[in-house]
């Protein structure tokens, strides 16, 4: 018998929607009545809006993961970057958005550091009353599509409440989602939709936890 360990798991899916991957992900979640959050890339949402509408109709939350997903926001210096990446995506999400306007920055490989945001982007989140959602587990499914499950399970066992990033992209990794969900249930895991408070440094535009470690500030030299 597998020893049962109790832990909470909040699943999130980044970078979709993808017509070749997201439908099977939604099917798996629906069979188990698991509700999650899909952090969508704006241009992918426009191309496959029906999948985001299905996710929303089935009780999943829809969050913002930039328009292009073309690099962490912190080092980027393009004029009007926040509007182009965050604002444009939020308008595309439209009525599918959660009232708390969830936003997840790109970590460039899962890193949580000063590259996540820059000053103008942080100001944009504050002015727009966004809630910034980070993570505490990232099993790197995108570059290890067959080996991520064991790593993900180890991350779940290592903490009481895991907020995990998976990706509904055509890497092949989500072929193993059903097996992962089976293993979580066998281990006594409890699926939750809400986020651990310590993974939300900004809540409805208010900085509620230390933020400087996540922000690249413009040089004054």
C-alpha atoms as a PDB file:
ATOM      1  CA  UNK A   1       0.000   0.000   0.000  1.00  0.00           C
ATOM      2  CA  UNK A   2       1.253   3.486  -0.857  1.00  0.00           C
ATOM      3  CA  UNK A   3       1.694   5.616   2.313  1.00  0.00           C
ATOM      4  CA  UNK A   4      -0.810   8.447   2.294  1.00  0.00           C
ATOM      5  CA  UNK A   5       0.501  11.937   2.914  1.00  0.00           C
ATOM      6  CA  UNK A   6      -1.785  14.927   3.132  1.00  0.00           C
ATOM      7  CA  UNK A   7      -0.930  18.066   1.176  1.00  0.00           C
ATOM      8  CA  UNK A   8      -2.751  20.703  -0.833  1.00  0.00           C
ATOM      9  CA  UNK A   9      -2.111  21.264  -4.534  1.00  0.00           C
ATOM     10  CA  UNK A  10      -3.201  24.195  -6.663  1.00  0.00           C
ATOM     11  CA  UNK A  11      -2.640  23.469 -10.344  1.00  0.00           C
ATOM     12  CA  UNK A  12      -2.140  26.185 -12.935  1.00  0.00           C
ATOM     13  CA  UNK A  13      -1.531  25.947 -16.673  1.00  0.00           C
ATOM     14  CA  UNK A  14       0.530  28.535 -18.545  1.00  0.00           C
ATOM     15  CA  UNK A  15       1.037  29.576 -22.176  1.00  0.00           C
ATOM     16  CA  UNK A  16      -2.139  28.236 -23.811  1.00  0.00           C
ATOM     17  CA  UNK A  17      -4.703  27.831 -24.997  1.00  0.00           C
ATOM     18  CA  UNK A  18      -3.483  25.311 -27.559  1.00  0.00           C
ATOM     19  CA  UNK A  19      -5.903  23.440 -29.835  1.00  0.00           C
ATOM     20  CA  UNK A  20      -3.800  20.271 -29.765  1.00  0.00           C
ATOM     21  CA  UNK A  21      -3.290  20.128 -25.991  1.00  0.00           C
ATOM     22  CA  UNK A  22      -5.837  22.114 -24.000  1.00  0.00           C
ATOM     23  CA  UNK A  23      -8.923  19.996 -24.871  1.00  0.00           C
ATOM     24  CA  UNK A  24      -7.397  16.831 -23.367  1.00  0.00           C
ATOM     25  CA  UNK A  25      -6.259  18.777 -20.306  1.00  0.00           C
ATOM     26  CA  UNK A  26      -9.803  20.046 -19.802  1.00  0.00           C
ATOM     27  CA  UNK A  27     -11.201  16.532 -20.304  1.00  0.00           C
ATOM     28  CA  UNK A  28      -8.871  15.134 -17.620  1.00  0.00           C
ATOM     29  CA  UNK A  29      -9.758  17.852 -15.160  1.00  0.00           C
ATOM     30  CA  UNK A  30     -13.484  17.514 -15.836  1.00  0.00           C
ATOM     31  CA  UNK A  31     -13.453  13.755 -15.150  1.00  0.00           C
ATOM     32  CA  UNK A  32     -12.093  14.484 -11.679  1.00  0.00           C
ATOM     33  CA  UNK A  33     -13.998  17.730 -11.014  1.00  0.00           C
ATOM     34  CA  UNK A  34     -10.699  19.576 -10.498  1.00  0.00           C
ATOM     35  CA  UNK A  35     -10.776  23.321 -11.043  1.00  0.00           C
ATOM     36  CA  UNK A  36      -7.610  25.219 -11.894  1.00  0.00           C
ATOM     37  CA  UNK A  37      -6.398  28.480 -13.435  1.00  0.00           C
ATOM     38  CA  UNK A  38      -5.261  28.928 -17.023  1.00  0.00           C
ATOM     39  CA  UNK A  39      -2.797  31.796 -17.433  1.00  0.00           C
ATOM     40  CA  UNK A  40      -3.243  32.529 -21.117  1.00  0.00           C
ATOM     41  CA  UNK A  41      -0.927  34.179 -23.604  1.00  0.00           C
ATOM     42  CA  UNK A  42      -2.955  36.868 -25.345  1.00  0.00           C
ATOM     43  CA  UNK A  43      -2.136  36.006 -28.937  1.00  0.00           C
ATOM     44  CA  UNK A  44      -2.885  32.328 -28.241  1.00  0.00           C
ATOM     45  CA  UNK A  45      -6.191  33.284 -26.657  1.00  0.00           C
ATOM     46  CA  UNK A  46      -7.215  35.215 -29.764  1.00  0.00           C
ATOM     47  CA  UNK A  47      -6.379  32.210 -31.945  1.00  0.00           C
ATOM     48  CA  UNK A  48      -8.264  29.694 -29.778  1.00  0.00           C
ATOM     49  CA  UNK A  49     -10.750  31.704 -27.744  1.00  0.00           C
ATOM     50  CA  UNK A  50     -13.297  28.901 -27.698  1.00  0.00           C
ATOM     51  CA  UNK A  51     -11.015  26.835 -25.479  1.00  0.00           C
ATOM     52  CA  UNK A  52     -10.729  29.628 -22.931  1.00  0.00           C
ATOM     53  CA  UNK A  53     -14.504  30.018 -23.041  1.00  0.00           C
ATOM     54  CA  UNK A  54     -14.886  26.285 -22.393  1.00  0.00           C
ATOM     55  CA  UNK A  55     -12.430  26.453 -19.474  1.00  0.00           C
ATOM     56  CA  UNK A  56     -14.309  29.393 -17.984  1.00  0.00           C
ATOM     57  CA  UNK A  57     -17.661  27.655 -18.418  1.00  0.00           C
ATOM     58  CA  UNK A  58     -16.302  24.594 -16.604  1.00  0.00           C
ATOM     59  CA  UNK A  59     -15.307  26.638 -13.575  1.00  0.00           C
ATOM     60  CA  UNK A  60     -11.645  27.324 -14.255  1.00  0.00           C
ATOM     61  CA  UNK A  61     -10.203  30.787 -13.703  1.00  0.00           C
ATOM     62  CA  UNK A  62      -8.596  32.673 -16.588  1.00  0.00           C
ATOM     63  CA  UNK A  63      -5.477  34.724 -15.864  1.00  0.00           C
ATOM     64  CA  UNK A  64      -3.152  36.954 -17.868  1.00  0.00           C
ATOM     65  CA  UNK A  65       0.332  35.727 -18.911  1.00  0.00           C
ATOM     66  CA  UNK A  66       1.310  38.575 -21.285  1.00  0.00           C
ATOM     67  CA  UNK A  67       0.512  39.004 -24.948  1.00  0.00           C
ATOM     68  CA  UNK A  68       3.628  37.506 -26.574  1.00  0.00           C
ATOM     69  CA  UNK A  69       5.461  35.552 -23.843  1.00  0.00           C
ATOM     70  CA  UNK A  70       8.658  36.764 -25.489  1.00  0.00           C
ATOM     71  CA  UNK A  71      10.842  37.263 -22.435  1.00  0.00           C
ATOM     72  CA  UNK A  72      10.759  38.332 -18.813  1.00  0.00           C
ATOM     73  CA  UNK A  73       9.430  41.859 -18.394  1.00  0.00           C
ATOM     74  CA  UNK A  74      12.096  43.087 -15.987  1.00  0.00           C
ATOM     75  CA  UNK A  75      14.973  43.718 -18.413  1.00  0.00           C
ATOM     76  CA  UNK A  76      12.800  44.910 -21.294  1.00  0.00           C
ATOM     77  CA  UNK A  77      12.761  48.594 -22.157  1.00  0.00           C
ATOM     78  CA  UNK A  78      10.161  48.899 -24.943  1.00  0.00           C
ATOM     79  CA  UNK A  79       7.943  51.970 -24.687  1.00  0.00           C
ATOM     80  CA  UNK A  80       4.463  51.156 -23.364  1.00  0.00           C
ATOM     81  CA  UNK A  81       5.567  47.585 -22.554  1.00  0.00           C
ATOM     82  CA  UNK A  82       3.024  47.143 -19.770  1.00  0.00           C
ATOM     83  CA  UNK A  83       0.123  48.189 -21.962  1.00  0.00           C
ATOM     84  CA  UNK A  84       1.326  46.089 -24.902  1.00  0.00           C
ATOM     85  CA  UNK A  85       1.870  42.915 -22.877  1.00  0.00           C
ATOM     86  CA  UNK A  86      -0.505  43.137 -19.927  1.00  0.00           C
ATOM     87  CA  UNK A  87      -3.204  45.616 -20.890  1.00  0.00           C
ATOM     88  CA  UNK A  88      -3.765  44.205 -24.370  1.00  0.00           C
ATOM     89  CA  UNK A  89      -4.086  40.678 -22.991  1.00  0.00           C
ATOM     90  CA  UNK A  90      -6.537  41.753 -20.301  1.00  0.00           C
ATOM     91  CA  UNK A  91      -8.747  43.386 -22.899  1.00  0.00           C
ATOM     92  CA  UNK A  92      -8.672  40.183 -24.956  1.00  0.00           C
ATOM     93  CA  UNK A  93      -9.656  38.124 -21.909  1.00  0.00           C
ATOM     94  CA  UNK A  94     -12.590  40.463 -21.398  1.00  0.00           C
ATOM     95  CA  UNK A  95     -15.571  38.906 -19.676  1.00  0.00           C
ATOM     96  CA  UNK A  96     -13.645  35.680 -19.033  1.00  0.00           C
ATOM     97  CA  UNK A  97     -11.445  37.448 -16.465  1.00  0.00           C
ATOM     98  CA  UNK A  98     -11.632  36.672 -12.770  1.00  0.00           C
ATOM     99  CA  UNK A  99     -12.768  39.733 -10.771  1.00  0.00           C
ATOM    100  CA  UNK A 100      -9.328  39.886  -9.117  1.00  0.00           C
ATOM    101  CA  UNK A 101      -7.603  40.209 -12.532  1.00  0.00           C
ATOM    102  CA  UNK A 102      -4.934  37.572 -12.058  1.00  0.00           C
ATOM    103  CA  UNK A 103      -1.576  38.210 -13.745  1.00  0.00           C
ATOM    104  CA  UNK A 104       1.453  35.930 -13.870  1.00  0.00           C
ATOM    105  CA  UNK A 105       4.802  37.269 -15.123  1.00  0.00           C
ATOM    106  CA  UNK A 106       7.156  35.150 -17.189  1.00  0.00           C
ATOM    107  CA  UNK A 107      10.018  33.566 -15.251  1.00  0.00           C
ATOM    108  CA  UNK A 108      12.333  32.717 -18.163  1.00  0.00           C
ATOM    109  CA  UNK A 109      12.718  29.100 -17.123  1.00  0.00           C
ATOM    110  CA  UNK A 110      10.867  29.287 -13.836  1.00  0.00           C
ATOM    111  CA  UNK A 111      13.125  31.779 -12.069  1.00  0.00           C
ATOM    112  CA  UNK A 112      11.605  33.980  -9.393  1.00  0.00           C
ATOM    113  CA  UNK A 113      13.868  37.016  -9.195  1.00  0.00           C
ATOM    114  CA  UNK A 114      14.243  40.645 -10.269  1.00  0.00           C
ATOM    115  CA  UNK A 115      13.626  39.739 -13.925  1.00  0.00           C
ATOM    116  CA  UNK A 116       9.895  39.168 -13.386  1.00  0.00           C
ATOM    117  CA  UNK A 117       8.824  42.820 -13.516  1.00  0.00           C
ATOM    118  CA  UNK A 118      10.130  46.327 -14.034  1.00  0.00           C
ATOM    119  CA  UNK A 119       8.993  49.529 -12.333  1.00  0.00           C
ATOM    120  CA  UNK A 120       6.497  50.632 -15.001  1.00  0.00           C
ATOM    121  CA  UNK A 121       4.937  47.151 -15.143  1.00  0.00           C
ATOM    122  CA  UNK A 122       4.560  47.082 -11.364  1.00  0.00           C
ATOM    123  CA  UNK A 123       2.942  50.522 -11.513  1.00  0.00           C
ATOM    124  CA  UNK A 124       0.590  49.233 -14.227  1.00  0.00           C
ATOM    125  CA  UNK A 125      -0.458  46.300 -12.026  1.00  0.00           C
ATOM    126  CA  UNK A 126      -1.087  48.665  -9.124  1.00  0.00           C
ATOM    127  CA  UNK A 127      -3.047  51.158 -11.207  1.00  0.00           C
ATOM    128  CA  UNK A 128      -5.156  48.440 -12.785  1.00  0.00           C
ATOM    129  CA  UNK A 129      -5.791  46.653  -9.468  1.00  0.00           C
ATOM    130  CA  UNK A 130      -4.273  43.398 -10.709  1.00  0.00           C
ATOM    131  CA  UNK A 131      -3.348  40.461  -8.482  1.00  0.00           C
ATOM    132  CA  UNK A 132       0.120  39.078  -9.240  1.00  0.00           C
ATOM    133  CA  UNK A 133       0.313  35.275  -8.889  1.00  0.00           C
ATOM    134  CA  UNK A 134       3.710  33.574  -8.687  1.00  0.00           C
ATOM    135  CA  UNK A 135       4.413  29.896  -7.859  1.00  0.00           C
ATOM    136  CA  UNK A 136       6.378  27.606  -5.556  1.00  0.00           C
ATOM    137  CA  UNK A 137       6.748  24.545  -7.772  1.00  0.00           C
ATOM    138  CA  UNK A 138       7.763  24.217 -11.401  1.00  0.00           C
ATOM    139  CA  UNK A 139       8.631  20.675 -12.573  1.00  0.00           C
ATOM    140  CA  UNK A 140       9.912  21.874 -15.967  1.00  0.00           C
ATOM    141  CA  UNK A 141       7.428  19.866 -17.980  1.00  0.00           C
ATOM    142  CA  UNK A 142       8.158  21.940 -21.081  1.00  0.00           C
ATOM    143  CA  UNK A 143      11.736  20.675 -21.448  1.00  0.00           C
ATOM    144  CA  UNK A 144      11.297  17.235 -19.848  1.00  0.00           C
ATOM    145  CA  UNK A 145       7.961  16.074 -21.246  1.00  0.00           C
ATOM    146  CA  UNK A 146       8.383  12.453 -20.123  1.00  0.00           C
ATOM    147  CA  UNK A 147      10.223  12.877 -16.822  1.00  0.00           C
ATOM    148  CA  UNK A 148       8.397  15.708 -15.086  1.00  0.00           C
ATOM    149  CA  UNK A 149       5.890  13.642 -13.092  1.00  0.00           C
ATOM    150  CA  UNK A 150       8.292  12.308 -10.459  1.00  0.00           C
ATOM    151  CA  UNK A 151       9.808  15.736 -10.006  1.00  0.00           C
ATOM    152  CA  UNK A 152       6.347  17.262  -9.601  1.00  0.00           C
ATOM    153  CA  UNK A 153       5.380  14.665  -6.991  1.00  0.00           C
ATOM    154  CA  UNK A 154       8.569  15.352  -5.044  1.00  0.00           C
ATOM    155  CA  UNK A 155       7.754  19.057  -5.055  1.00  0.00           C
ATOM    156  CA  UNK A 156       4.280  18.290  -3.694  1.00  0.00           C
ATOM    157  CA  UNK A 157       5.704  16.139  -0.904  1.00  0.00           C
ATOM    158  CA  UNK A 158       8.165  18.864   0.094  1.00  0.00           C
ATOM    159  CA  UNK A 159       5.599  21.430   1.235  1.00  0.00           C
ATOM    160  CA  UNK A 160       2.149  21.695   2.730  1.00  0.00           C
ATOM    161  CA  UNK A 161       0.581  23.752  -0.079  1.00  0.00           C
ATOM    162  CA  UNK A 162       1.986  23.642  -3.598  1.00  0.00           C
ATOM    163  CA  UNK A 163       1.156  26.133  -6.334  1.00  0.00           C
ATOM    164  CA  UNK A 164       2.404  24.341  -9.435  1.00  0.00           C
ATOM    165  CA  UNK A 165       3.031  25.633 -12.951  1.00  0.00           C
ATOM    166  CA  UNK A 166       2.317  23.224 -15.805  1.00  0.00           C
ATOM    167  CA  UNK A 167       1.999  24.157 -19.476  1.00  0.00           C
ATOM    168  CA  UNK A 168      -0.824  23.349 -21.909  1.00  0.00           C
ATOM    169  CA  UNK A 169       1.485  23.505 -24.917  1.00  0.00           C
ATOM    170  CA  UNK A 170       2.214  20.878 -27.607  1.00  0.00           C
ATOM    171  CA  UNK A 171       5.349  19.468 -25.932  1.00  0.00           C
ATOM    172  CA  UNK A 172       3.790  16.067 -25.237  1.00  0.00           C
ATOM    173  CA  UNK A 173       4.104  16.546 -21.471  1.00  0.00           C
ATOM    174  CA  UNK A 174       0.369  16.593 -20.850  1.00  0.00           C
ATOM    175  CA  UNK A 175       0.094  12.988 -22.049  1.00  0.00           C
ATOM    176  CA  UNK A 176       1.199  12.199 -18.498  1.00  0.00           C
ATOM    177  CA  UNK A 177      -1.265  14.501 -16.737  1.00  0.00           C
ATOM    178  CA  UNK A 178      -3.724  11.703 -15.977  1.00  0.00           C
ATOM    179  CA  UNK A 179      -0.969   9.595 -14.384  1.00  0.00           C
ATOM    180  CA  UNK A 180       0.185  12.556 -12.321  1.00  0.00           C
ATOM    181  CA  UNK A 181      -3.335  13.229 -11.058  1.00  0.00           C
ATOM    182  CA  UNK A 182      -3.733   9.541 -10.159  1.00  0.00           C
ATOM    183  CA  UNK A 183      -0.527   9.635  -8.133  1.00  0.00           C
ATOM    184  CA  UNK A 184      -1.541  12.814  -6.310  1.00  0.00           C
ATOM    185  CA  UNK A 185      -4.840  11.224  -5.310  1.00  0.00           C
ATOM    186  CA  UNK A 186      -3.072   8.025  -4.213  1.00  0.00           C
ATOM    187  CA  UNK A 187      -0.784  10.118  -1.992  1.00  0.00           C
ATOM    188  CA  UNK A 188      -3.718  11.824  -0.300  1.00  0.00           C
ATOM    189  CA  UNK A 189      -3.325  15.178  -2.014  1.00  0.00           C
ATOM    190  CA  UNK A 190      -6.187  17.665  -1.920  1.00  0.00           C
ATOM    191  CA  UNK A 191      -6.772  19.817  -5.007  1.00  0.00           C
ATOM    192  CA  UNK A 192      -7.571  23.470  -4.398  1.00  0.00           C
ATOM    193  CA  UNK A 193      -8.304  26.312  -6.788  1.00  0.00           C
ATOM    194  CA  UNK A 194      -7.273  29.269  -4.634  1.00  0.00           C
ATOM    195  CA  UNK A 195      -3.647  30.374  -4.319  1.00  0.00           C
ATOM    196  CA  UNK A 196      -1.338  30.295  -1.287  1.00  0.00           C
ATOM    197  CA  UNK A 197      -1.138  33.848   0.093  1.00  0.00           C
ATOM    198  CA  UNK A 198       2.659  33.863   0.056  1.00  0.00           C
ATOM    199  CA  UNK A 199       2.597  33.435  -3.739  1.00  0.00           C
ATOM    200  CA  UNK A 200       0.698  36.710  -4.231  1.00  0.00           C
ATOM    201  CA  UNK A 201       2.924  39.745  -3.604  1.00  0.00           C
ATOM    202  CA  UNK A 202       0.354  42.115  -5.134  1.00  0.00           C
ATOM    203  CA  UNK A 203      -3.355  41.720  -4.390  1.00  0.00           C
ATOM    204  CA  UNK A 204      -5.860  43.901  -6.235  1.00  0.00           C
ATOM    205  CA  UNK A 205      -3.170  46.485  -6.877  1.00  0.00           C
ATOM    206  CA  UNK A 206      -1.834  46.623  -3.321  1.00  0.00           C
ATOM    207  CA  UNK A 207       1.693  45.403  -2.541  1.00  0.00           C
ATOM    208  CA  UNK A 208       1.133  43.041   0.394  1.00  0.00           C
ATOM    209  CA  UNK A 209       4.521  41.280   0.507  1.00  0.00           C
ATOM    210  CA  UNK A 210       8.106  42.343  -0.206  1.00  0.00           C
ATOM    211  CA  UNK A 211       8.372  43.023  -3.941  1.00  0.00           C
ATOM    212  CA  UNK A 212      11.831  44.458  -4.596  1.00  0.00           C
ATOM    213  CA  UNK A 213      13.351  41.026  -5.266  1.00  0.00           C
ATOM    214  CA  UNK A 214      10.979  40.610  -8.218  1.00  0.00           C
ATOM    215  CA  UNK A 215      11.542  43.973  -9.897  1.00  0.00           C
ATOM    216  CA  UNK A 216      14.276  45.416 -12.125  1.00  0.00           C
ATOM    217  CA  UNK A 217      14.548  49.107 -11.283  1.00  0.00           C
ATOM    218  CA  UNK A 218      15.775  51.641 -13.851  1.00  0.00           C
ATOM    219  CA  UNK A 219      19.328  52.772 -13.256  1.00  0.00           C
ATOM    220  CA  UNK A 220      19.727  56.337 -12.014  1.00  0.00           C
ATOM    221  CA  UNK A 221      23.372  56.527 -13.130  1.00  0.00           C
END
